[in-house]
Amino acid sequence: MTTNHPLTIDVYLRAYAPVAAPQETVLDAVRELRDMDIVDSYDVHTWPKAVRADRSTETSRQYESFRDWARAADVRIDQSFVTRRDDNLLTGETTEKLVTPFVCLAVRQGDELAAVLPCTVAEGQHVSVQAYLDALREGVDPLDTLGLGETVDTAKEEPPEPETELTLPSI
């Protein structure tokens, strides 16, 4: 598999997750892709379970860039990034909270954002983080956003010479 530019992956993990096994599985898969030279490098980031939607934070700004990419790529990420209303009974204040996914990937090709996972493609098919990583391992781009090309060996092998029976002259 070849790409026009090296792939980098930003792995976002929810901080203080009660179960770390799914996150470790994703990290192992990303490391394997790097070892296979499919991914040039990766970074791991943690983020909170939720942030106030009305405040500019690093997490909310990251979400906005993911949302902009999703609109341009005709995919949906709103099933993974959920906005919820939070009513504070003590103060009477109502706020909107952006809930982050347990695990999220931002795949970059060169300097450009090329994929955000998990997401739902236009046909309604959900693409999970693990399914995406498994597809990359097989040389497939399930979102068709990377411009992957198969490495094809154009040199054709010569067919083997047919075995001929050697006939010795009689003496």
N, C-alpha and C. Protein backbone atom coordinates (compact mmCIF):
# COMPACT_ATOMS: atom_id res chain seq x y z
N MET A 1 0.86 -1.17 0.00
CA MET A 1 0.00 0.00 0.00
C MET A 1 0.89 1.22 0.00
N THR A 2 0.55 2.19 -0.82
CA THR A 2 1.30 3.44 -0.86
C THR A 2 0.33 4.59 -0.68
N THR A 3 0.82 5.68 -0.13
CA THR A 3 0.00 6.89 -0.01
C THR A 3 0.80 8.04 -0.57
N ASN A 4 0.08 9.12 -0.87
CA ASN A 4 0.74 10.31 -1.41
C ASN A 4 1.61 10.98 -0.35
N HIS A 5 1.17 10.96 0.89
CA HIS A 5 1.88 11.58 2.01
C HIS A 5 1.85 10.62 3.18
N PRO A 6 2.81 10.74 4.09
CA PRO A 6 2.81 9.84 5.24
C PRO A 6 1.55 10.03 6.10
N LEU A 7 1.09 8.93 6.66
CA LEU A 7 -0.06 8.98 7.55
C LEU A 7 0.41 9.14 8.99
N THR A 8 -0.27 10.02 9.70
CA THR A 8 -0.06 10.14 11.14
C THR A 8 -1.43 9.98 11.80
N ILE A 9 -1.42 9.44 12.99
CA ILE A 9 -2.67 9.23 13.71
C ILE A 9 -2.58 9.88 15.08
N ASP A 10 -3.60 10.66 15.41
CA ASP A 10 -3.77 11.17 16.76
C ASP A 10 -4.83 10.30 17.41
N VAL A 11 -4.46 9.66 18.50
CA VAL A 11 -5.39 8.81 19.24
C VAL A 11 -5.85 9.61 20.46
N TYR A 12 -7.18 9.79 20.56
CA TYR A 12 -7.76 10.50 21.69
C TYR A 12 -8.46 9.48 22.59
N LEU A 13 -8.05 9.46 23.85
CA LEU A 13 -8.61 8.53 24.82
C LEU A 13 -9.29 9.31 25.93
N ARG A 14 -10.45 8.83 26.32
CA ARG A 14 -11.15 9.47 27.43
C ARG A 14 -10.37 9.23 28.71
N ALA A 15 -10.10 10.30 29.43
CA ALA A 15 -9.36 10.20 30.69
C ALA A 15 -10.21 9.50 31.75
N TYR A 16 -9.53 8.85 32.65
CA TYR A 16 -10.16 8.18 33.80
C TYR A 16 -11.21 7.16 33.38
N ALA A 17 -10.92 6.45 32.30
CA ALA A 17 -11.86 5.42 31.84
C ALA A 17 -11.80 4.24 32.79
N PRO A 18 -12.97 3.72 33.17
CA PRO A 18 -12.98 2.61 34.13
C PRO A 18 -12.44 1.31 33.53
N VAL A 19 -12.48 1.17 32.22
CA VAL A 19 -11.99 -0.03 31.54
C VAL A 19 -10.99 0.41 30.48
N ALA A 20 -9.75 -0.02 30.62
CA ALA A 20 -8.71 0.43 29.69
C ALA A 20 -8.43 -0.57 28.58
N ALA A 21 -8.96 -1.78 28.66
CA ALA A 21 -8.65 -2.82 27.67
C ALA A 21 -8.98 -2.39 26.24
N PRO A 22 -10.16 -1.82 25.95
CA PRO A 22 -10.44 -1.40 24.56
C PRO A 22 -9.45 -0.33 24.08
N GLN A 23 -9.05 0.56 24.96
CA GLN A 23 -8.10 1.59 24.58
C GLN A 23 -6.74 0.97 24.27
N GLU A 24 -6.32 0.00 25.07
CA GLU A 24 -5.04 -0.68 24.83
C GLU A 24 -5.06 -1.45 23.52
N THR A 25 -6.21 -2.05 23.18
CA THR A 25 -6.34 -2.78 21.93
C THR A 25 -6.14 -1.84 20.74
N VAL A 26 -6.72 -0.66 20.82
CA VAL A 26 -6.55 0.34 19.75
C VAL A 26 -5.09 0.78 19.66
N LEU A 27 -4.48 1.04 20.80
CA LEU A 27 -3.07 1.46 20.78
C LEU A 27 -2.18 0.37 20.19
N ASP A 28 -2.46 -0.89 20.52
CA ASP A 28 -1.69 -1.99 19.94
C ASP A 28 -1.84 -2.03 18.42
N ALA A 29 -3.06 -1.82 17.93
CA ALA A 29 -3.32 -1.83 16.49
C ALA A 29 -2.59 -0.68 15.79
N VAL A 30 -2.58 0.49 16.42
CA VAL A 30 -1.87 1.65 15.84
C VAL A 30 -0.37 1.38 15.81
N ARG A 31 0.16 0.81 16.89
CA ARG A 31 1.59 0.47 16.91
C ARG A 31 1.93 -0.53 15.80
N GLU A 32 1.06 -1.51 15.60
CA GLU A 32 1.28 -2.51 14.55
C GLU A 32 1.32 -1.84 13.18
N LEU A 33 0.41 -0.88 12.94
CA LEU A 33 0.41 -0.16 11.66
C LEU A 33 1.70 0.63 11.47
N ARG A 34 2.20 1.18 12.56
CA ARG A 34 3.48 1.90 12.47
C ARG A 34 4.61 0.92 12.18
N ASP A 35 4.60 -0.23 12.84
CA ASP A 35 5.64 -1.24 12.60
C ASP A 35 5.59 -1.78 11.18
N MET A 36 4.40 -1.78 10.57
CA MET A 36 4.23 -2.24 9.19
C MET A 36 4.52 -1.13 8.18
N ASP A 37 4.89 0.06 8.66
CA ASP A 37 5.17 1.23 7.82
C ASP A 37 3.94 1.73 7.06
N ILE A 38 2.76 1.43 7.57
CA ILE A 38 1.53 1.99 7.00
C ILE A 38 1.29 3.37 7.60
N VAL A 39 1.63 3.52 8.87
CA VAL A 39 1.51 4.78 9.59
C VAL A 39 2.92 5.25 9.93
N ASP A 40 3.18 6.52 9.65
CA ASP A 40 4.50 7.08 9.91
C ASP A 40 4.72 7.30 11.40
N SER A 41 3.71 7.88 12.08
CA SER A 41 3.83 8.15 13.50
C SER A 41 2.45 8.31 14.11
N TYR A 42 2.42 8.30 15.44
CA TYR A 42 1.16 8.52 16.14
C TYR A 42 1.43 9.25 17.44
N ASP A 43 0.40 9.94 17.93
CA ASP A 43 0.45 10.61 19.22
C ASP A 43 -0.79 10.21 20.00
N VAL A 44 -0.65 10.13 21.30
CA VAL A 44 -1.77 9.78 22.18
C VAL A 44 -2.12 11.00 23.02
N HIS A 45 -3.41 11.31 23.05
CA HIS A 45 -3.91 12.44 23.83
C HIS A 45 -5.03 11.94 24.74
N THR A 46 -5.20 12.58 25.86
CA THR A 46 -6.37 12.30 26.70
C THR A 46 -7.26 13.53 26.70
N TRP A 47 -8.54 13.26 26.87
CA TRP A 47 -9.48 14.36 26.97
C TRP A 47 -10.57 13.99 27.97
N PRO A 48 -11.29 15.00 28.45
CA PRO A 48 -12.31 14.73 29.46
C PRO A 48 -13.53 14.04 28.85
N LYS A 49 -14.34 13.48 29.73
CA LYS A 49 -15.57 12.83 29.29
C LYS A 49 -16.51 13.84 28.64
N ALA A 50 -16.53 15.06 29.19
CA ALA A 50 -17.42 16.10 28.65
C ALA A 50 -16.84 17.47 28.93
N VAL A 51 -17.19 18.42 28.06
CA VAL A 51 -16.82 19.82 28.24
C VAL A 51 -18.04 20.68 27.97
N ARG A 52 -18.04 21.87 28.51
CA ARG A 52 -19.14 22.79 28.21
C ARG A 52 -19.07 23.19 26.75
N ALA A 53 -20.19 23.08 26.09
CA ALA A 53 -20.24 23.37 24.65
C ALA A 53 -20.15 24.87 24.37
N ASP A 54 -20.47 25.70 25.35
CA ASP A 54 -20.47 27.14 25.12
C ASP A 54 -19.14 27.80 25.46
N ARG A 55 -18.14 27.00 25.79
CA ARG A 55 -16.82 27.57 26.11
C ARG A 55 -15.79 27.03 25.13
N SER A 56 -14.85 27.89 24.80
CA SER A 56 -13.78 27.49 23.89
C SER A 56 -12.69 26.80 24.70
N THR A 57 -12.55 25.52 24.49
CA THR A 57 -11.50 24.73 25.13
C THR A 57 -10.74 24.00 24.03
N GLU A 58 -9.63 23.40 24.38
CA GLU A 58 -8.88 22.63 23.39
C GLU A 58 -9.75 21.50 22.82
N THR A 59 -10.52 20.86 23.70
CA THR A 59 -11.39 19.77 23.26
C THR A 59 -12.48 20.28 22.33
N SER A 60 -13.12 21.38 22.67
CA SER A 60 -14.20 21.90 21.82
C SER A 60 -13.66 22.40 20.48
N ARG A 61 -12.47 22.98 20.49
CA ARG A 61 -11.86 23.43 19.22
C ARG A 61 -11.48 22.22 18.35
N GLN A 62 -11.00 21.16 18.98
CA GLN A 62 -10.67 19.95 18.24
C GLN A 62 -11.94 19.37 17.62
N TYR A 63 -13.01 19.33 18.41
CA TYR A 63 -14.29 18.84 17.90
C TYR A 63 -14.76 19.67 16.70
N GLU A 64 -14.62 20.98 16.77
CA GLU A 64 -15.04 21.84 15.66
C GLU A 64 -14.27 21.51 14.39
N SER A 65 -12.97 21.24 14.50
CA SER A 65 -12.21 20.87 13.30
C SER A 65 -12.66 19.50 12.79
N PHE A 66 -12.99 18.58 13.69
CA PHE A 66 -13.49 17.27 13.28
C PHE A 66 -14.85 17.41 12.59
N ARG A 67 -15.69 18.27 13.15
CA ARG A 67 -17.03 18.49 12.58
C ARG A 67 -16.93 19.10 11.19
N ASP A 68 -16.01 20.06 11.01
CA ASP A 68 -15.81 20.68 9.70
C ASP A 68 -15.33 19.64 8.68
N TRP A 69 -14.41 18.78 9.10
CA TRP A 69 -13.94 17.72 8.20
C TRP A 69 -15.11 16.79 7.83
N ALA A 70 -15.92 16.42 8.82
CA ALA A 70 -17.03 15.50 8.57
C ALA A 70 -18.02 16.08 7.57
N ARG A 71 -18.31 17.35 7.69
CA ARG A 71 -19.22 17.99 6.72
C ARG A 71 -18.64 17.93 5.31
N ALA A 72 -17.36 18.25 5.19
CA ALA A 72 -16.72 18.26 3.87
C ALA A 72 -16.61 16.85 3.29
N ALA A 73 -16.44 15.84 4.16
CA ALA A 73 -16.28 14.46 3.69
C ALA A 73 -17.61 13.72 3.58
N ASP A 74 -18.70 14.39 3.92
CA ASP A 74 -20.03 13.79 3.87
C ASP A 74 -20.16 12.56 4.76
N VAL A 75 -19.62 12.68 5.98
CA VAL A 75 -19.79 11.65 7.00
C VAL A 75 -20.34 12.30 8.26
N ARG A 76 -20.83 11.47 9.17
CA ARG A 76 -21.39 11.99 10.42
C ARG A 76 -20.56 11.52 11.60
N ILE A 77 -20.30 12.44 12.52
CA ILE A 77 -19.63 12.08 13.76
C ILE A 77 -20.51 12.38 14.97
N ASP A 78 -21.72 12.85 14.71
CA ASP A 78 -22.60 13.26 15.81
C ASP A 78 -23.13 12.10 16.66
N GLN A 79 -22.96 10.87 16.20
CA GLN A 79 -23.35 9.74 17.03
C GLN A 79 -22.27 9.42 18.06
N SER A 80 -21.06 9.92 17.83
CA SER A 80 -19.96 9.69 18.76
C SER A 80 -19.69 10.90 19.65
N PHE A 81 -19.90 12.08 19.12
CA PHE A 81 -19.79 13.32 19.87
C PHE A 81 -21.21 13.79 20.12
N VAL A 82 -21.66 13.66 21.33
CA VAL A 82 -23.06 13.94 21.66
C VAL A 82 -23.13 15.20 22.50
N THR A 83 -24.08 16.06 22.18
CA THR A 83 -24.33 17.24 23.01
C THR A 83 -25.53 16.95 23.90
N ARG A 84 -25.32 17.16 25.20
CA ARG A 84 -26.38 16.89 26.17
C ARG A 84 -26.65 18.13 27.01
N ARG A 85 -27.86 18.21 27.43
CA ARG A 85 -28.28 19.32 28.29
C ARG A 85 -28.06 18.90 29.74
N ASP A 86 -27.45 19.80 30.51
CA ASP A 86 -27.14 19.53 31.92
C ASP A 86 -27.84 20.57 32.77
N ASP A 87 -28.83 20.14 33.53
CA ASP A 87 -29.57 21.04 34.42
C ASP A 87 -29.00 20.93 35.82
N ASN A 88 -28.50 22.05 36.36
CA ASN A 88 -27.99 22.09 37.71
C ASN A 88 -29.15 22.46 38.64
N LEU A 89 -29.58 21.51 39.45
CA LEU A 89 -30.73 21.74 40.33
C LEU A 89 -30.42 22.74 41.43
N LEU A 90 -29.18 22.87 41.84
CA LEU A 90 -28.83 23.81 42.91
C LEU A 90 -28.84 25.26 42.42
N THR A 91 -28.27 25.49 41.24
CA THR A 91 -28.17 26.87 40.74
C THR A 91 -29.27 27.23 39.76
N GLY A 92 -29.94 26.22 39.23
CA GLY A 92 -30.95 26.47 38.22
C GLY A 92 -30.37 26.73 36.84
N GLU A 93 -29.06 26.63 36.72
CA GLU A 93 -28.38 26.89 35.45
C GLU A 93 -28.50 25.65 34.54
N THR A 94 -28.71 25.91 33.27
CA THR A 94 -28.73 24.86 32.26
C THR A 94 -27.58 25.10 31.31
N THR A 95 -26.78 24.07 31.10
CA THR A 95 -25.66 24.18 30.17
C THR A 95 -25.71 23.03 29.18
N GLU A 96 -25.08 23.26 28.05
CA GLU A 96 -24.93 22.20 27.05
C GLU A 96 -23.53 21.63 27.22
N LYS A 97 -23.46 20.30 27.25
CA LYS A 97 -22.18 19.62 27.39
C LYS A 97 -21.91 18.79 26.14
N LEU A 98 -20.68 18.84 25.67
CA LEU A 98 -20.23 18.00 24.58
C LEU A 98 -19.57 16.78 25.20
N VAL A 99 -20.14 15.61 24.95
CA VAL A 99 -19.60 14.36 25.48
C VAL A 99 -18.69 13.75 24.41
N THR A 100 -17.47 13.43 24.80
CA THR A 100 -16.48 12.90 23.87
C THR A 100 -16.57 11.37 23.79
N PRO A 101 -16.15 10.81 22.67
CA PRO A 101 -16.13 9.34 22.56
C PRO A 101 -15.05 8.74 23.46
N PHE A 102 -15.24 7.49 23.80
CA PHE A 102 -14.29 6.74 24.62
C PHE A 102 -12.92 6.67 23.94
N VAL A 103 -12.92 6.42 22.63
CA VAL A 103 -11.71 6.40 21.81
C VAL A 103 -12.04 7.09 20.49
N CYS A 104 -11.13 7.93 20.02
CA CYS A 104 -11.32 8.64 18.75
C CYS A 104 -9.98 8.69 18.04
N LEU A 105 -10.04 8.58 16.72
CA LEU A 105 -8.83 8.73 15.90
C LEU A 105 -8.99 9.92 14.98
N ALA A 106 -7.91 10.65 14.83
CA ALA A 106 -7.81 11.68 13.80
C ALA A 106 -6.64 11.26 12.92
N VAL A 107 -6.93 10.91 11.68
CA VAL A 107 -5.91 10.44 10.75
C VAL A 107 -5.54 11.61 9.85
N ARG A 108 -4.26 11.87 9.78
CA ARG A 108 -3.78 12.97 8.94
C ARG A 108 -2.90 12.40 7.84
N GLN A 109 -3.04 13.00 6.67
CA GLN A 109 -2.19 12.65 5.55
C GLN A 109 -1.45 13.92 5.21
N GLY A 110 -0.15 13.92 5.50
CA GLY A 110 0.59 15.18 5.42
C GLY A 110 0.05 16.10 6.51
N ASP A 111 -0.31 17.31 6.13
CA ASP A 111 -0.86 18.27 7.09
C ASP A 111 -2.38 18.29 7.12
N GLU A 112 -3.01 17.51 6.26
CA GLU A 112 -4.47 17.55 6.12
C GLU A 112 -5.16 16.46 6.93
N LEU A 113 -6.26 16.83 7.58
CA LEU A 113 -7.10 15.86 8.27
C LEU A 113 -7.78 15.01 7.21
N ALA A 114 -7.60 13.69 7.29
CA ALA A 114 -8.12 12.78 6.26
C ALA A 114 -9.22 11.86 6.78
N ALA A 115 -9.33 11.70 8.09
CA ALA A 115 -10.37 10.83 8.64
C ALA A 115 -10.52 11.09 10.13
N VAL A 116 -11.76 10.96 10.59
CA VAL A 116 -12.07 11.02 12.01
C VAL A 116 -12.94 9.81 12.31
N LEU A 117 -12.55 9.05 13.31
CA LEU A 117 -13.27 7.84 13.68
C LEU A 117 -13.61 7.87 15.15
N PRO A 118 -14.72 7.30 15.54
CA PRO A 118 -15.73 6.62 14.73
C PRO A 118 -16.59 7.62 13.96
N CYS A 119 -17.19 7.12 12.88
CA CYS A 119 -18.06 7.95 12.07
C CYS A 119 -19.07 7.07 11.36
N THR A 120 -20.02 7.74 10.72
CA THR A 120 -21.02 7.04 9.91
C THR A 120 -20.96 7.61 8.51
N VAL A 121 -20.78 6.73 7.53
CA VAL A 121 -20.67 7.19 6.14
C VAL A 121 -22.07 7.48 5.60
N ALA A 122 -22.11 8.11 4.44
CA ALA A 122 -23.37 8.58 3.86
C ALA A 122 -24.39 7.46 3.69
N GLU A 123 -23.93 6.23 3.45
CA GLU A 123 -24.86 5.12 3.26
C GLU A 123 -25.43 4.61 4.58
N GLY A 124 -25.03 5.22 5.69
CA GLY A 124 -25.53 4.82 7.00
C GLY A 124 -24.70 3.76 7.70
N GLN A 125 -23.60 3.36 7.09
CA GLN A 125 -22.73 2.35 7.69
C GLN A 125 -21.82 2.99 8.72
N HIS A 126 -21.81 2.43 9.92
CA HIS A 126 -20.96 2.92 10.99
C HIS A 126 -19.56 2.33 10.81
N VAL A 127 -18.54 3.17 10.92
CA VAL A 127 -17.16 2.71 10.83
C VAL A 127 -16.52 2.96 12.19
N SER A 128 -16.25 1.88 12.90
CA SER A 128 -15.65 1.99 14.23
C SER A 128 -14.15 2.23 14.11
N VAL A 129 -13.54 2.61 15.21
CA VAL A 129 -12.09 2.81 15.24
C VAL A 129 -11.38 1.52 14.88
N GLN A 130 -11.77 0.41 15.51
CA GLN A 130 -11.09 -0.86 15.28
C GLN A 130 -11.30 -1.35 13.85
N ALA A 131 -12.51 -1.19 13.32
CA ALA A 131 -12.77 -1.62 11.93
C ALA A 131 -11.90 -0.82 10.96
N TYR A 132 -11.74 0.47 11.22
CA TYR A 132 -10.91 1.31 10.36
C TYR A 132 -9.45 0.85 10.39
N LEU A 133 -8.94 0.61 11.60
CA LEU A 133 -7.55 0.17 11.73
C LEU A 133 -7.34 -1.19 11.07
N ASP A 134 -8.30 -2.10 11.24
CA ASP A 134 -8.22 -3.42 10.59
C ASP A 134 -8.19 -3.27 9.07
N ALA A 135 -9.01 -2.37 8.54
CA ALA A 135 -9.05 -2.15 7.09
C ALA A 135 -7.72 -1.58 6.60
N LEU A 136 -7.15 -0.62 7.32
CA LEU A 136 -5.85 -0.07 6.93
C LEU A 136 -4.79 -1.17 6.89
N ARG A 137 -4.84 -2.08 7.85
CA ARG A 137 -3.89 -3.18 7.89
C ARG A 137 -3.98 -4.02 6.61
N GLU A 138 -5.20 -4.12 6.08
CA GLU A 138 -5.42 -4.90 4.85
C GLU A 138 -5.21 -4.06 3.58
N GLY A 139 -4.83 -2.79 3.74
CA GLY A 139 -4.59 -1.94 2.58
C GLY A 139 -5.84 -1.31 2.01
N VAL A 140 -6.91 -1.24 2.81
CA VAL A 140 -8.19 -0.71 2.35
C VAL A 140 -8.49 0.57 3.12
N ASP A 141 -9.02 1.56 2.42
CA ASP A 141 -9.46 2.81 3.05
C ASP A 141 -10.99 2.82 3.05
N PRO A 142 -11.63 2.46 4.17
CA PRO A 142 -13.09 2.35 4.17
C PRO A 142 -13.83 3.67 3.93
N LEU A 143 -13.18 4.80 4.14
CA LEU A 143 -13.81 6.09 3.90
C LEU A 143 -13.44 6.67 2.53
N ASP A 144 -12.48 6.07 1.87
CA ASP A 144 -12.02 6.52 0.57
C ASP A 144 -11.57 7.99 0.61
N THR A 145 -10.84 8.33 1.66
CA THR A 145 -10.37 9.71 1.82
C THR A 145 -8.85 9.83 1.78
N LEU A 146 -8.15 8.71 1.69
CA LEU A 146 -6.69 8.75 1.77
C LEU A 146 -5.99 8.71 0.43
N GLY A 147 -6.70 8.35 -0.63
CA GLY A 147 -6.05 8.22 -1.93
C GLY A 147 -5.04 7.09 -1.93
N LEU A 148 -5.41 5.99 -1.31
CA LEU A 148 -4.50 4.86 -1.25
C LEU A 148 -4.38 4.21 -2.61
N GLY A 149 -3.22 3.74 -2.90
CA GLY A 149 -3.00 2.98 -4.12
C GLY A 149 -2.33 1.68 -3.77
N GLU A 150 -2.74 0.65 -4.40
CA GLU A 150 -2.11 -0.63 -4.16
C GLU A 150 -0.75 -0.64 -4.83
N THR A 151 0.21 -1.20 -4.15
CA THR A 151 1.51 -1.39 -4.75
C THR A 151 1.40 -2.63 -5.62
N VAL A 152 1.57 -2.45 -6.90
CA VAL A 152 1.40 -3.55 -7.83
C VAL A 152 2.74 -3.85 -8.47
N ASP A 153 3.12 -5.11 -8.47
CA ASP A 153 4.36 -5.51 -9.11
C ASP A 153 4.06 -5.72 -10.59
N THR A 154 4.57 -4.82 -11.41
CA THR A 154 4.26 -4.89 -12.84
C THR A 154 5.18 -5.84 -13.58
N ALA A 155 6.27 -6.25 -12.95
CA ALA A 155 7.17 -7.20 -13.61
C ALA A 155 6.50 -8.56 -13.60
N LYS A 156 6.33 -9.10 -14.76
CA LYS A 156 5.69 -10.40 -14.86
C LYS A 156 6.76 -11.47 -14.90
N GLU A 157 6.48 -12.51 -14.16
CA GLU A 157 7.41 -13.63 -14.18
C GLU A 157 7.24 -14.38 -15.48
N GLU A 158 8.37 -14.85 -15.97
CA GLU A 158 8.32 -15.70 -17.15
C GLU A 158 7.73 -17.04 -16.72
N PRO A 159 6.85 -17.57 -17.53
CA PRO A 159 6.32 -18.88 -17.16
C PRO A 159 7.45 -19.90 -17.22
N PRO A 160 7.38 -20.89 -16.36
CA PRO A 160 8.46 -21.88 -16.37
C PRO A 160 8.45 -22.65 -17.69
N GLU A 161 9.63 -23.01 -18.09
CA GLU A 161 9.77 -23.81 -19.30
C GLU A 161 9.10 -25.15 -19.06
N PRO A 162 8.37 -25.62 -20.06
CA PRO A 162 7.78 -26.93 -19.85
C PRO A 162 8.88 -27.98 -19.78
N GLU A 163 8.63 -28.90 -18.87
CA GLU A 163 9.62 -29.96 -18.74
C GLU A 163 9.52 -30.86 -19.96
N THR A 164 10.65 -31.09 -20.54
CA THR A 164 10.66 -31.99 -21.70
C THR A 164 11.37 -33.27 -21.31
N GLU A 165 10.88 -34.32 -21.85
CA GLU A 165 11.47 -35.59 -21.56
C GLU A 165 12.73 -35.72 -22.42
N LEU A 166 13.77 -36.05 -21.79
CA LEU A 166 15.04 -36.21 -22.48
C LEU A 166 15.13 -37.63 -23.05
N THR A 167 15.34 -37.72 -24.33
CA THR A 167 15.47 -39.03 -24.96
C THR A 167 16.91 -39.25 -25.35
N LEU A 168 17.48 -40.31 -24.81
CA LEU A 168 18.87 -40.60 -25.13
C LEU A 168 18.91 -41.53 -26.34
N PRO A 169 19.85 -41.27 -27.20
CA PRO A 169 19.95 -42.15 -28.36
C PRO A 169 20.40 -43.56 -27.91
N SER A 170 19.88 -44.56 -28.60
CA SER A 170 20.26 -45.92 -28.25
C SER A 170 21.61 -46.25 -28.88
N ILE A 171 22.33 -46.96 -28.19
CA ILE A 171 23.63 -47.34 -28.69
C ILE A 171 23.67 -48.83 -28.98
